[in-house]
Amino acid sequence: MNNKEQIESLGDNHFSMSIKTPLREDAFDKSDDEKIKNIQHHFKMIMEEMGLDLTDDSLSGTPYRVAKMYVKELFYGLNPVNKPKLSTFENKYGYKKMLVEQNITIDSACEHHFLPIIGHAHVAYVPKDKVIGLSKINRLVDYYARRPQVQERLVLQILNDLQCVLDTEDVIVSVTAKHLCVSSRGIKDQSSFTTTLEYGGCFKEPSIRNEFLKIIEQESV
């Protein structure tokens, strides 16, 4: 297998080497403005190589818009400065049953082709001494989604963070998403989607895990 074939094979397999997003040590030495300026320059070159006329009013601002989108929106989750503060509270209610936050929007991008990954996450935990604000779960999911991703890594990153913050292994995370790198290129399968599931603690018990799965299978109200 030659080098180009290996590159294609790796991308199609959606293979990930680590739970951590691969980042260089100097990843955040430059400011956001510097990164936007550099990406703007390089994306302009890409557009010019494709034969596009950047003197056209419709295209002239595209390199800047793309650069700003990459740094400030689509991939803001790369920078740990942007990580949401996961405030927890004492479980004064003594609530000990499953708490489910479902249909959380996933708006990410495949790290192998930089094409969209669009879907939903479902997260549940069984509180012990701590509970977390519901919006914090949504923010955490969005933070990890907003970076070049592999879906298997995404569920693990969300799971591990919540287990650490809540000081419990009793957490489960499911993500179901459509990958445009599958529907728009390669096999071009328009109807398929991918589901990943990670869990620990009490969710290793089939009966408890199935209770969660039954809840998320119900129609959203």
C-alpha atoms as a PDB file:
ATOM      1  CA  MET A   1       0.000   0.000   0.000  1.00  0.00           C
ATOM      2  CA  ASN A   2       1.501   3.372  -1.020  1.00  0.00           C
ATOM      3  CA  ASN A   3       1.425   6.515   1.113  1.00  0.00           C
ATOM      4  CA  LYS A   4      -1.655   8.011  -0.558  1.00  0.00           C
ATOM      5  CA  GLU A   5      -3.576   4.766  -0.108  1.00  0.00           C
ATOM      6  CA  GLN A   6      -2.593   4.674   3.587  1.00  0.00           C
ATOM      7  CA  ILE A   7      -3.836   8.246   4.036  1.00  0.00           C
ATOM      8  CA  GLU A   8      -7.179   7.392   2.417  1.00  0.00           C
ATOM      9  CA  SER A   9      -7.526   4.194   4.446  1.00  0.00           C
ATOM     10  CA  LEU A  10      -6.885   5.998   7.734  1.00  0.00           C
ATOM     11  CA  GLY A  11      -9.506   8.629   6.931  1.00  0.00           C
ATOM     12  CA  ASP A  12     -12.147   6.108   5.919  1.00  0.00           C
ATOM     13  CA  ASN A  13     -11.585   4.065   9.081  1.00  0.00           C
ATOM     14  CA  HIS A  14     -12.020   7.135  11.318  1.00  0.00           C
ATOM     15  CA  PHE A  15      -9.150   5.837  13.427  1.00  0.00           C
ATOM     16  CA  SER A  16      -8.098   7.667  16.590  1.00  0.00           C
ATOM     17  CA  MET A  17      -4.861   7.133  18.491  1.00  0.00           C
ATOM     18  CA  SER A  18      -5.802   8.733  21.817  1.00  0.00           C
ATOM     19  CA  ILE A  19      -8.644  10.115  23.912  1.00  0.00           C
ATOM     20  CA  LYS A  20      -6.837  13.462  23.803  1.00  0.00           C
ATOM     21  CA  THR A  21      -7.172  15.680  20.754  1.00  0.00           C
ATOM     22  CA  PRO A  22      -3.725  15.784  19.099  1.00  0.00           C
ATOM     23  CA  LEU A  23      -2.232  19.227  19.742  1.00  0.00           C
ATOM     24  CA  ARG A  24       1.274  20.624  19.438  1.00  0.00           C
ATOM     25  CA  GLU A  25       2.936  22.113  22.519  1.00  0.00           C
ATOM     26  CA  ASP A  26       2.912  25.557  20.904  1.00  0.00           C
ATOM     27  CA  ALA A  27      -0.744  25.309  19.872  1.00  0.00           C
ATOM     28  CA  PHE A  28      -1.757  28.454  21.766  1.00  0.00           C
ATOM     29  CA  ASP A  29       1.371  30.600  21.505  1.00  0.00           C
ATOM     30  CA  LYS A  30      -0.313  32.726  18.841  1.00  0.00           C
ATOM     31  CA  SER A  31      -3.313  34.927  19.522  1.00  0.00           C
ATOM     32  CA  ASP A  32      -6.655  34.294  17.844  1.00  0.00           C
ATOM     33  CA  ASP A  33      -6.108  37.367  15.666  1.00  0.00           C
ATOM     34  CA  GLU A  34      -2.751  36.034  14.478  1.00  0.00           C
ATOM     35  CA  LYS A  35      -4.289  32.664  13.653  1.00  0.00           C
ATOM     36  CA  ILE A  36      -7.150  34.287  11.747  1.00  0.00           C
ATOM     37  CA  LYS A  37      -4.689  36.366   9.728  1.00  0.00           C
ATOM     38  CA  ASN A  38      -2.558  33.328   8.820  1.00  0.00           C
ATOM     39  CA  ILE A  39      -5.526  31.067   7.983  1.00  0.00           C
ATOM     40  CA  GLN A  40      -7.007  33.868   5.880  1.00  0.00           C
ATOM     41  CA  HIS A  41      -3.779  34.034   3.845  1.00  0.00           C
ATOM     42  CA  HIS A  42      -3.563  30.275   3.312  1.00  0.00           C
ATOM     43  CA  PHE A  43      -7.246  29.815   2.510  1.00  0.00           C
ATOM     44  CA  LYS A  44      -6.978  32.575  -0.068  1.00  0.00           C
ATOM     45  CA  MET A  45      -4.189  30.565  -1.695  1.00  0.00           C
ATOM     46  CA  ILE A  46      -6.395  27.435  -1.697  1.00  0.00           C
ATOM     47  CA  MET A  47      -9.202  29.320  -3.413  1.00  0.00           C
ATOM     48  CA  GLU A  48      -6.813  30.768  -5.968  1.00  0.00           C
ATOM     49  CA  GLU A  49      -5.387  27.300  -6.691  1.00  0.00           C
ATOM     50  CA  MET A  50      -8.950  26.155  -7.409  1.00  0.00           C
ATOM     51  CA  GLY A  51      -9.218  28.907 -10.018  1.00  0.00           C
ATOM     52  CA  LEU A  52     -11.657  31.144  -8.148  1.00  0.00           C
ATOM     53  CA  ASP A  53     -11.639  34.893  -8.837  1.00  0.00           C
ATOM     54  CA  LEU A  54     -11.220  36.622  -5.489  1.00  0.00           C
ATOM     55  CA  THR A  55     -11.805  40.047  -7.033  1.00  0.00           C
ATOM     56  CA  ASP A  56     -15.483  39.064  -7.251  1.00  0.00           C
ATOM     57  CA  ASP A  57     -17.519  40.796  -4.538  1.00  0.00           C
ATOM     58  CA  SER A  58     -19.073  37.491  -3.423  1.00  0.00           C
ATOM     59  CA  LEU A  59     -15.710  35.774  -2.932  1.00  0.00           C
ATOM     60  CA  SER A  60     -13.414  38.581  -1.796  1.00  0.00           C
ATOM     61  CA  GLY A  61     -14.317  38.272   1.885  1.00  0.00           C
ATOM     62  CA  THR A  62     -14.479  34.462   2.000  1.00  0.00           C
ATOM     63  CA  PRO A  63     -10.887  33.822   3.225  1.00  0.00           C
ATOM     64  CA  TYR A  64     -11.476  36.047   6.263  1.00  0.00           C
ATOM     65  CA  ARG A  65     -14.915  34.625   6.956  1.00  0.00           C
ATOM     66  CA  VAL A  66     -13.590  31.056   6.846  1.00  0.00           C
ATOM     67  CA  ALA A  67     -10.605  31.912   9.053  1.00  0.00           C
ATOM     68  CA  LYS A  68     -12.797  33.609  11.657  1.00  0.00           C
ATOM     69  CA  MET A  69     -15.265  30.707  11.587  1.00  0.00           C
ATOM     70  CA  TYR A  70     -12.478  28.172  12.173  1.00  0.00           C
ATOM     71  CA  VAL A  71     -10.945  30.005  15.128  1.00  0.00           C
ATOM     72  CA  LYS A  72     -13.938  31.607  16.818  1.00  0.00           C
ATOM     73  CA  GLU A  73     -16.809  29.239  16.051  1.00  0.00           C
ATOM     74  CA  LEU A  74     -16.330  25.810  14.518  1.00  0.00           C
ATOM     75  CA  PHE A  75     -13.097  24.955  16.366  1.00  0.00           C
ATOM     76  CA  TYR A  76     -13.273  27.138  19.483  1.00  0.00           C
ATOM     77  CA  GLY A  77     -13.230  23.959  21.570  1.00  0.00           C
ATOM     78  CA  LEU A  78      -9.548  23.399  20.813  1.00  0.00           C
ATOM     79  CA  ASN A  79      -8.543  26.124  23.238  1.00  0.00           C
ATOM     80  CA  PRO A  80      -8.853  25.109  26.933  1.00  0.00           C
ATOM     81  CA  VAL A  81      -9.429  28.770  27.783  1.00  0.00           C
ATOM     82  CA  ASN A  82     -12.896  28.318  26.290  1.00  0.00           C
ATOM     83  CA  LYS A  83     -13.779  25.292  28.381  1.00  0.00           C
ATOM     84  CA  PRO A  84     -17.009  25.946  30.322  1.00  0.00           C
ATOM     85  CA  LYS A  85     -16.817  26.137  34.081  1.00  0.00           C
ATOM     86  CA  LEU A  86     -18.584  23.034  35.338  1.00  0.00           C
ATOM     87  CA  SER A  87     -20.075  24.257  38.586  1.00  0.00           C
ATOM     88  CA  THR A  88     -21.506  21.526  40.789  1.00  0.00           C
ATOM     89  CA  PHE A  89     -23.840  21.728  43.754  1.00  0.00           C
ATOM     90  CA  GLU A  90     -24.445  19.655  46.834  1.00  0.00           C
ATOM     91  CA  ASN A  91     -27.124  17.041  46.241  1.00  0.00           C
ATOM     92  CA  LYS A  92     -29.362  18.438  48.978  1.00  0.00           C
ATOM     93  CA  TYR A  93     -32.454  16.785  47.528  1.00  0.00           C
ATOM     94  CA  GLY A  94     -30.890  13.385  48.009  1.00  0.00           C
ATOM     95  CA  TYR A  95     -31.825  12.571  44.418  1.00  0.00           C
ATOM     96  CA  LYS A  96     -30.372   9.140  43.619  1.00  0.00           C
ATOM     97  CA  LYS A  97     -32.124   8.170  40.393  1.00  0.00           C
ATOM     98  CA  MET A  98     -31.028   8.592  36.792  1.00  0.00           C
ATOM     99  CA  LEU A  99     -30.941  12.107  35.376  1.00  0.00           C
ATOM    100  CA  VAL A 100     -31.007  12.307  31.571  1.00  0.00           C
ATOM    101  CA  GLU A 101     -30.205  15.258  29.313  1.00  0.00           C
ATOM    102  CA  GLN A 102     -31.109  14.253  25.767  1.00  0.00           C
ATOM    103  CA  ASN A 103     -31.126  15.582  22.205  1.00  0.00           C
ATOM    104  CA  ILE A 104     -28.133  17.864  22.788  1.00  0.00           C
ATOM    105  CA  THR A 105     -27.063  19.263  19.431  1.00  0.00           C
ATOM    106  CA  ILE A 106     -23.790  17.989  17.999  1.00  0.00           C
ATOM    107  CA  ASP A 107     -22.207  20.329  15.448  1.00  0.00           C
ATOM    108  CA  SER A 108     -18.681  19.115  14.840  1.00  0.00           C
ATOM    109  CA  ALA A 109     -16.236  18.269  12.050  1.00  0.00           C
ATOM    110  CA  CYS A 110     -14.415  15.101  11.071  1.00  0.00           C
ATOM    111  CA  GLU A 111     -10.685  15.528  11.676  1.00  0.00           C
ATOM    112  CA  HIS A 112      -9.846  13.440   8.610  1.00  0.00           C
ATOM    113  CA  HIS A 113     -11.683  15.553   6.035  1.00  0.00           C
ATOM    114  CA  PHE A 114     -12.878  18.662   7.943  1.00  0.00           C
ATOM    115  CA  LEU A 115     -16.441  17.916   6.859  1.00  0.00           C
ATOM    116  CA  PRO A 116     -19.426  18.342   9.211  1.00  0.00           C
ATOM    117  CA  ILE A 117     -20.566  15.820  11.806  1.00  0.00           C
ATOM    118  CA  ILE A 118     -24.175  16.637  12.722  1.00  0.00           C
ATOM    119  CA  GLY A 119     -26.358  14.883  15.256  1.00  0.00           C
ATOM    120  CA  HIS A 120     -27.352  14.617  18.906  1.00  0.00           C
ATOM    121  CA  ALA A 121     -25.854  13.533  22.204  1.00  0.00           C
ATOM    122  CA  HIS A 122     -27.683  11.948  25.141  1.00  0.00           C
ATOM    123  CA  VAL A 123     -26.083  12.105  28.581  1.00  0.00           C
ATOM    124  CA  ALA A 124     -27.180  10.597  31.890  1.00  0.00           C
ATOM    125  CA  TYR A 125     -25.750  10.198  35.367  1.00  0.00           C
ATOM    126  CA  VAL A 126     -26.830   8.954  38.764  1.00  0.00           C
ATOM    127  CA  PRO A 127     -25.962  11.598  41.380  1.00  0.00           C
ATOM    128  CA  LYS A 128     -24.100  10.842  44.578  1.00  0.00           C
ATOM    129  CA  ASP A 129     -22.996  13.879  46.585  1.00  0.00           C
ATOM    130  CA  LYS A 130     -22.917  16.288  43.622  1.00  0.00           C
ATOM    131  CA  VAL A 131     -25.264  17.492  40.911  1.00  0.00           C
ATOM    132  CA  ILE A 132     -24.506  19.732  37.939  1.00  0.00           C
ATOM    133  CA  GLY A 133     -26.547  22.432  36.244  1.00  0.00           C
ATOM    134  CA  LEU A 134     -28.288  21.002  33.171  1.00  0.00           C
ATOM    135  CA  SER A 135     -26.987  23.721  30.832  1.00  0.00           C
ATOM    136  CA  LYS A 136     -23.418  22.848  31.869  1.00  0.00           C
ATOM    137  CA  ILE A 137     -23.821  19.402  30.308  1.00  0.00           C
ATOM    138  CA  ASN A 138     -24.927  21.011  27.035  1.00  0.00           C
ATOM    139  CA  ARG A 139     -22.008  23.429  27.143  1.00  0.00           C
ATOM    140  CA  LEU A 140     -19.516  20.639  27.797  1.00  0.00           C
ATOM    141  CA  VAL A 141     -20.846  18.603  24.878  1.00  0.00           C
ATOM    142  CA  ASP A 142     -20.603  21.622  22.577  1.00  0.00           C
ATOM    143  CA  TYR A 143     -17.068  22.419  23.789  1.00  0.00           C
ATOM    144  CA  TYR A 144     -15.732  18.980  22.887  1.00  0.00           C
ATOM    145  CA  ALA A 145     -17.735  18.881  19.643  1.00  0.00           C
ATOM    146  CA  ARG A 146     -16.295  22.182  18.474  1.00  0.00           C
ATOM    147  CA  ARG A 147     -12.973  20.813  17.320  1.00  0.00           C
ATOM    148  CA  PRO A 148     -11.763  18.421  14.618  1.00  0.00           C
ATOM    149  CA  GLN A 149     -13.145  15.187  16.037  1.00  0.00           C
ATOM    150  CA  VAL A 150     -13.502  11.444  15.890  1.00  0.00           C
ATOM    151  CA  GLN A 151     -16.879  10.365  17.272  1.00  0.00           C
ATOM    152  CA  GLU A 152     -15.402   7.587  19.411  1.00  0.00           C
ATOM    153  CA  ARG A 153     -13.111  10.133  21.070  1.00  0.00           C
ATOM    154  CA  LEU A 154     -15.922  12.643  21.543  1.00  0.00           C
ATOM    155  CA  VAL A 155     -18.036  10.355  23.749  1.00  0.00           C
ATOM    156  CA  LEU A 156     -14.997   9.416  25.844  1.00  0.00           C
ATOM    157  CA  GLN A 157     -13.978  13.041  26.403  1.00  0.00           C
ATOM    158  CA  ILE A 158     -17.473  13.972  27.569  1.00  0.00           C
ATOM    159  CA  LEU A 159     -17.748  10.870  29.766  1.00  0.00           C
ATOM    160  CA  ASN A 160     -14.376  11.264  31.470  1.00  0.00           C
ATOM    161  CA  ASP A 161     -14.910  14.950  32.233  1.00  0.00           C
ATOM    162  CA  LEU A 162     -18.322  14.369  33.784  1.00  0.00           C
ATOM    163  CA  GLN A 163     -17.098  11.413  35.835  1.00  0.00           C
ATOM    164  CA  CYS A 164     -14.297  13.585  37.204  1.00  0.00           C
ATOM    165  CA  VAL A 165     -16.453  16.641  37.949  1.00  0.00           C
ATOM    166  CA  LEU A 166     -19.318  14.666  39.493  1.00  0.00           C
ATOM    167  CA  ASP A 167     -16.957  12.338  41.373  1.00  0.00           C
ATOM    168  CA  THR A 168     -18.832   9.252  40.190  1.00  0.00           C
ATOM    169  CA  GLU A 169     -18.382   6.541  37.582  1.00  0.00           C
ATOM    170  CA  ASP A 170     -22.157   6.393  37.074  1.00  0.00           C
ATOM    171  CA  VAL A 171     -22.249   8.287  33.773  1.00  0.00           C
ATOM    172  CA  ILE A 172     -23.324   7.263  30.269  1.00  0.00           C
ATOM    173  CA  VAL A 173     -22.920   9.145  26.976  1.00  0.00           C
ATOM    174  CA  SER A 174     -24.453   8.321  23.598  1.00  0.00           C
ATOM    175  CA  VAL A 175     -23.875  10.213  20.354  1.00  0.00           C
ATOM    176  CA  THR A 176     -25.761   9.586  17.112  1.00  0.00           C
ATOM    177  CA  ALA A 177     -24.556  11.609  14.149  1.00  0.00           C
ATOM    178  CA  LYS A 178     -24.413  11.871  10.391  1.00  0.00           C
ATOM    179  CA  HIS A 179     -20.953  12.249   8.846  1.00  0.00           C
ATOM    180  CA  LEU A 180     -20.760  14.252   5.647  1.00  0.00           C
ATOM    181  CA  CYS A 181     -17.438  12.579   4.882  1.00  0.00           C
ATOM    182  CA  VAL A 182     -19.570   9.458   4.342  1.00  0.00           C
ATOM    183  CA  SER A 183     -22.583  11.068   2.642  1.00  0.00           C
ATOM    184  CA  SER A 184     -20.780  13.655   0.469  1.00  0.00           C
ATOM    185  CA  ARG A 185     -17.660  11.735  -0.619  1.00  0.00           C
ATOM    186  CA  GLY A 186     -16.373   8.169  -0.750  1.00  0.00           C
ATOM    187  CA  ILE A 187     -19.324   5.795  -0.577  1.00  0.00           C
ATOM    188  CA  LYS A 188     -21.771   8.759  -0.693  1.00  0.00           C
ATOM    189  CA  ASP A 189     -24.304   7.004   1.517  1.00  0.00           C
ATOM    190  CA  GLN A 190     -27.014   9.571   2.198  1.00  0.00           C
ATOM    191  CA  SER A 191     -29.042   7.627   4.773  1.00  0.00           C
ATOM    192  CA  SER A 192     -26.568   6.096   7.247  1.00  0.00           C
ATOM    193  CA  PHE A 193     -25.600   7.487  10.655  1.00  0.00           C
ATOM    194  CA  THR A 194     -23.213   6.463  13.406  1.00  0.00           C
ATOM    195  CA  THR A 195     -23.947   5.773  17.083  1.00  0.00           C
ATOM    196  CA  THR A 196     -21.298   5.576  19.801  1.00  0.00           C
ATOM    197  CA  LEU A 197     -21.898   4.662  23.447  1.00  0.00           C
ATOM    198  CA  GLU A 198     -19.586   4.869  26.458  1.00  0.00           C
ATOM    199  CA  TYR A 199     -20.444   4.296  30.121  1.00  0.00           C
ATOM    200  CA  GLY A 200     -19.173   3.330  33.529  1.00  0.00           C
ATOM    201  CA  GLY A 201     -20.299   2.477  37.040  1.00  0.00           C
ATOM    202  CA  CYS A 202     -23.898   1.326  37.426  1.00  0.00           C
ATOM    203  CA  PHE A 203     -24.489   1.640  33.681  1.00  0.00           C
ATOM    204  CA  LYS A 204     -22.441  -1.512  33.204  1.00  0.00           C
ATOM    205  CA  GLU A 205     -25.545  -3.285  34.497  1.00  0.00           C
ATOM    206  CA  PRO A 206     -27.678  -4.193  31.442  1.00  0.00           C
ATOM    207  CA  SER A 207     -30.966  -3.361  33.177  1.00  0.00           C
ATOM    208  CA  ILE A 208     -29.867   0.191  34.064  1.00  0.00           C
ATOM    209  CA  ARG A 209     -28.253   0.745  30.680  1.00  0.00           C
ATOM    210  CA  ASN A 210     -31.399  -0.468  28.938  1.00  0.00           C
ATOM    211  CA  GLU A 211     -33.484   1.945  31.001  1.00  0.00           C
ATOM    212  CA  PHE A 212     -31.366   4.789  29.618  1.00  0.00           C
ATOM    213  CA  LEU A 213     -31.630   3.464  26.062  1.00  0.00           C
ATOM    214  CA  LYS A 214     -35.403   3.159  26.378  1.00  0.00           C
ATOM    215  CA  ILE A 215     -35.663   6.774  27.542  1.00  0.00           C
ATOM    216  CA  ILE A 216     -33.639   8.205  24.653  1.00  0.00           C
ATOM    217  CA  GLU A 217     -35.563   6.111  22.131  1.00  0.00           C
ATOM    218  CA  GLN A 218     -38.799   7.829  23.119  1.00  0.00           C
ATOM    219  CA  GLU A 219     -40.016  10.670  20.969  1.00  0.00           C
ATOM    220  CA  SER A 220     -38.883  14.096  22.100  1.00  0.00           C
ATOM    221  CA  VAL A 221     -41.612  16.183  23.639  1.00  0.00           C
END
